[in-house]
Amino acid sequence: MAGKVYVEGSDVVFRLEGVDMVLAIKRELRIPISHIKSVSTEKADWNMFNALKVAGARLPGVVEDGRFLSKEGFLFYDMHNPDKCVTVELEGDRYKKVIFEVEDKEATAAMIRGAMGG
């Protein structure tokens, strides 16, 4: 199930919907725009061995929701279909990346890049 992403003030808000709120143990993430380093629309990595689940749900090939610890640091996933995700790389934040499924990843990436000023 795709979530919603929107800009509110100086934050990008990632809003989870439906069962994903329960699985991820989170309703939304608010990330300051100043913490966003880059945005990618490349297919997300679904290698179950690349990160350890800390809080959330993982069923390989079906769902990955919540907080995971990788060699990069903490990652946040809301993913059912890795082809429909935006990956937002962060700096100066508790998460190193947010991998988030949306209906239109190109439009979402453009919106975030626009909020970043480019």
C-alpha atoms as a PDB file:
ATOM      1  CA  MET A   1       0.000   0.000   0.000  1.00  0.00           C
ATOM      2  CA  ALA A   2       1.476   3.317  -1.067  1.00  0.00           C
ATOM      3  CA  GLY A   3       1.862   6.113   1.429  1.00  0.00           C
ATOM      4  CA  LYS A   4       1.550   9.859   0.975  1.00  0.00           C
ATOM      5  CA  VAL A   5       4.425  12.317   0.809  1.00  0.00           C
ATOM      6  CA  TYR A   6       3.982  16.069   1.073  1.00  0.00           C
ATOM      7  CA  VAL A   7       5.861  19.205   2.063  1.00  0.00           C
ATOM      8  CA  GLU A   8       4.696  21.008   5.195  1.00  0.00           C
ATOM      9  CA  GLY A   9       6.680  24.096   6.152  1.00  0.00           C
ATOM     10  CA  SER A  10      10.356  23.150   6.306  1.00  0.00           C
ATOM     11  CA  ASP A  11       9.655  19.388   6.513  1.00  0.00           C
ATOM     12  CA  VAL A  12       8.910  16.585   4.118  1.00  0.00           C
ATOM     13  CA  VAL A  13       6.221  14.399   5.675  1.00  0.00           C
ATOM     14  CA  PHE A  14       6.039  10.681   4.880  1.00  0.00           C
ATOM     15  CA  ARG A  15       2.560   9.509   5.942  1.00  0.00           C
ATOM     16  CA  LEU A  16       1.896   5.791   6.255  1.00  0.00           C
ATOM     17  CA  GLU A  17      -1.586   4.502   5.581  1.00  0.00           C
ATOM     18  CA  GLY A  18      -3.703   1.474   6.439  1.00  0.00           C
ATOM     19  CA  VAL A  19      -2.026  -1.612   7.819  1.00  0.00           C
ATOM     20  CA  ASP A  20       1.419  -0.091   7.194  1.00  0.00           C
ATOM     21  CA  MET A  21       0.946   2.153  10.242  1.00  0.00           C
ATOM     22  CA  VAL A  22       0.587  -0.957  12.386  1.00  0.00           C
ATOM     23  CA  LEU A  23       3.373  -2.917  10.703  1.00  0.00           C
ATOM     24  CA  ALA A  24       5.867  -0.051  10.838  1.00  0.00           C
ATOM     25  CA  ILE A  25       4.802   1.006  14.340  1.00  0.00           C
ATOM     26  CA  LYS A  26       4.722   4.563  12.997  1.00  0.00           C
ATOM     27  CA  ARG A  27       2.112   6.893  11.560  1.00  0.00           C
ATOM     28  CA  GLU A  28       4.422   9.400   9.894  1.00  0.00           C
ATOM     29  CA  LEU A  29       7.976  10.608   9.549  1.00  0.00           C
ATOM     30  CA  ARG A  30       8.852  14.293   9.453  1.00  0.00           C
ATOM     31  CA  ILE A  31      12.210  14.973   7.882  1.00  0.00           C
ATOM     32  CA  PRO A  32      13.628  18.502   7.741  1.00  0.00           C
ATOM     33  CA  ILE A  33      14.300  19.458   4.119  1.00  0.00           C
ATOM     34  CA  SER A  34      17.769  20.580   5.219  1.00  0.00           C
ATOM     35  CA  HIS A  35      18.593  16.946   6.130  1.00  0.00           C
ATOM     36  CA  ILE A  36      17.857  15.627   2.624  1.00  0.00           C
ATOM     37  CA  LYS A  37      21.007  14.886   0.651  1.00  0.00           C
ATOM     38  CA  SER A  38      19.494  13.234  -2.442  1.00  0.00           C
ATOM     39  CA  VAL A  39      16.386  11.557  -3.867  1.00  0.00           C
ATOM     40  CA  SER A  40      16.424   8.483  -6.106  1.00  0.00           C
ATOM     41  CA  THR A  41      13.721   6.659  -8.051  1.00  0.00           C
ATOM     42  CA  GLU A  42      15.842   3.582  -8.780  1.00  0.00           C
ATOM     43  CA  LYS A  43      14.405   0.216  -7.783  1.00  0.00           C
ATOM     44  CA  ALA A  44      14.796  -0.288  -4.033  1.00  0.00           C
ATOM     45  CA  ASP A  45      16.983  -3.099  -2.712  1.00  0.00           C
ATOM     46  CA  TRP A  46      14.988  -5.990  -1.250  1.00  0.00           C
ATOM     47  CA  ASN A  47      17.910  -8.074   0.002  1.00  0.00           C
ATOM     48  CA  MET A  48      16.713  -9.367   3.370  1.00  0.00           C
ATOM     49  CA  PHE A  49      20.314  -9.784   4.504  1.00  0.00           C
ATOM     50  CA  ASN A  50      21.291  -6.121   4.058  1.00  0.00           C
ATOM     51  CA  ALA A  51      19.637  -4.898   7.287  1.00  0.00           C
ATOM     52  CA  LEU A  52      18.494  -6.145  10.677  1.00  0.00           C
ATOM     53  CA  LYS A  53      14.870  -5.441  11.636  1.00  0.00           C
ATOM     54  CA  VAL A  54      14.727  -3.256  14.763  1.00  0.00           C
ATOM     55  CA  ALA A  55      11.052  -2.282  14.894  1.00  0.00           C
ATOM     56  CA  GLY A  56       8.466  -3.188  12.304  1.00  0.00           C
ATOM     57  CA  ALA A  57       7.628  -6.069   9.993  1.00  0.00           C
ATOM     58  CA  ARG A  58       9.487  -8.007   7.334  1.00  0.00           C
ATOM     59  CA  LEU A  59       8.115 -10.720   5.099  1.00  0.00           C
ATOM     60  CA  PRO A  60      10.579 -11.073   2.186  1.00  0.00           C
ATOM     61  CA  GLY A  61       8.990 -10.371  -1.170  1.00  0.00           C
ATOM     62  CA  VAL A  62       5.784  -9.103   0.465  1.00  0.00           C
ATOM     63  CA  VAL A  63       6.421  -6.249   2.898  1.00  0.00           C
ATOM     64  CA  GLU A  64       9.198  -4.373   4.618  1.00  0.00           C
ATOM     65  CA  ASP A  65       7.900  -1.738   7.041  1.00  0.00           C
ATOM     66  CA  GLY A  66       9.631   0.026   9.902  1.00  0.00           C
ATOM     67  CA  ARG A  67      13.107   0.696  11.230  1.00  0.00           C
ATOM     68  CA  PHE A  68      16.076  -1.422  10.160  1.00  0.00           C
ATOM     69  CA  LEU A  69      19.773  -1.277  11.031  1.00  0.00           C
ATOM     70  CA  SER A  70      22.262  -1.677   8.189  1.00  0.00           C
ATOM     71  CA  LYS A  71      25.996  -1.137   7.896  1.00  0.00           C
ATOM     72  CA  GLU A  72      25.115   2.438   6.802  1.00  0.00           C
ATOM     73  CA  GLY A  73      23.043   3.112   9.929  1.00  0.00           C
ATOM     74  CA  PHE A  74      19.293   3.217  10.503  1.00  0.00           C
ATOM     75  CA  LEU A  75      16.977   2.924   7.491  1.00  0.00           C
ATOM     76  CA  PHE A  76      13.203   3.406   7.405  1.00  0.00           C
ATOM     77  CA  TYR A  77      11.160   1.294   4.994  1.00  0.00           C
ATOM     78  CA  ASP A  78       7.553   1.423   3.847  1.00  0.00           C
ATOM     79  CA  MET A  79       7.737  -0.986   0.933  1.00  0.00           C
ATOM     80  CA  HIS A  80       5.588  -3.615  -0.723  1.00  0.00           C
ATOM     81  CA  ASN A  81       6.759  -3.045  -4.300  1.00  0.00           C
ATOM     82  CA  PRO A  82      10.417  -1.986  -4.703  1.00  0.00           C
ATOM     83  CA  ASP A  83       9.674  -0.619  -8.205  1.00  0.00           C
ATOM     84  CA  LYS A  84       7.354   2.049  -6.742  1.00  0.00           C
ATOM     85  CA  CYS A  85       9.698   3.497  -4.104  1.00  0.00           C
ATOM     86  CA  VAL A  86      11.590   6.715  -3.693  1.00  0.00           C
ATOM     87  CA  THR A  87      14.818   6.505  -1.722  1.00  0.00           C
ATOM     88  CA  VAL A  88      15.677   9.643   0.206  1.00  0.00           C
ATOM     89  CA  GLU A  89      19.267   9.807   1.443  1.00  0.00           C
ATOM     90  CA  LEU A  90      19.739  11.890   4.578  1.00  0.00           C
ATOM     91  CA  GLU A  91      22.527  13.493   6.575  1.00  0.00           C
ATOM     92  CA  GLY A  92      22.332  14.844  10.096  1.00  0.00           C
ATOM     93  CA  ASP A  93      19.258  12.721  10.837  1.00  0.00           C
ATOM     94  CA  ARG A  94      18.631   9.566  12.874  1.00  0.00           C
ATOM     95  CA  TYR A  95      17.935   7.730   9.606  1.00  0.00           C
ATOM     96  CA  LYS A  96      20.461   7.437   6.789  1.00  0.00           C
ATOM     97  CA  LYS A  97      17.754   6.626   4.245  1.00  0.00           C
ATOM     98  CA  VAL A  98      13.980   6.557   3.921  1.00  0.00           C
ATOM     99  CA  ILE A  99      12.732   4.032   1.357  1.00  0.00           C
ATOM    100  CA  PHE A 100       9.069   4.816   0.790  1.00  0.00           C
ATOM    101  CA  GLU A 101       6.487   3.405  -1.617  1.00  0.00           C
ATOM    102  CA  VAL A 102       4.322   5.960  -3.424  1.00  0.00           C
ATOM    103  CA  GLU A 103       1.837   5.929  -6.300  1.00  0.00           C
ATOM    104  CA  ASP A 104       3.967   8.122  -8.581  1.00  0.00           C
ATOM    105  CA  LYS A 105       7.643   7.997  -7.677  1.00  0.00           C
ATOM    106  CA  GLU A 106       8.764  10.441 -10.393  1.00  0.00           C
ATOM    107  CA  ALA A 107       6.277  13.128  -9.307  1.00  0.00           C
ATOM    108  CA  THR A 108       7.138  12.557  -5.632  1.00  0.00           C
ATOM    109  CA  ALA A 109      10.873  12.817  -6.313  1.00  0.00           C
ATOM    110  CA  ALA A 110      10.320  16.018  -8.312  1.00  0.00           C
ATOM    111  CA  MET A 111       8.273  17.521  -5.477  1.00  0.00           C
ATOM    112  CA  ILE A 112      10.989  16.739  -2.914  1.00  0.00           C
ATOM    113  CA  ARG A 113      13.737  18.054  -5.192  1.00  0.00           C
ATOM    114  CA  GLY A 114      11.677  21.213  -5.740  1.00  0.00           C
ATOM    115  CA  ALA A 115      11.399  21.715  -1.976  1.00  0.00           C
ATOM    116  CA  MET A 116      15.174  21.288  -1.752  1.00  0.00           C
ATOM    117  CA  GLY A 117      15.539  24.171  -4.187  1.00  0.00           C
ATOM    118  CA  GLY A 118      16.552  22.225  -7.271  1.00  0.00           C
END
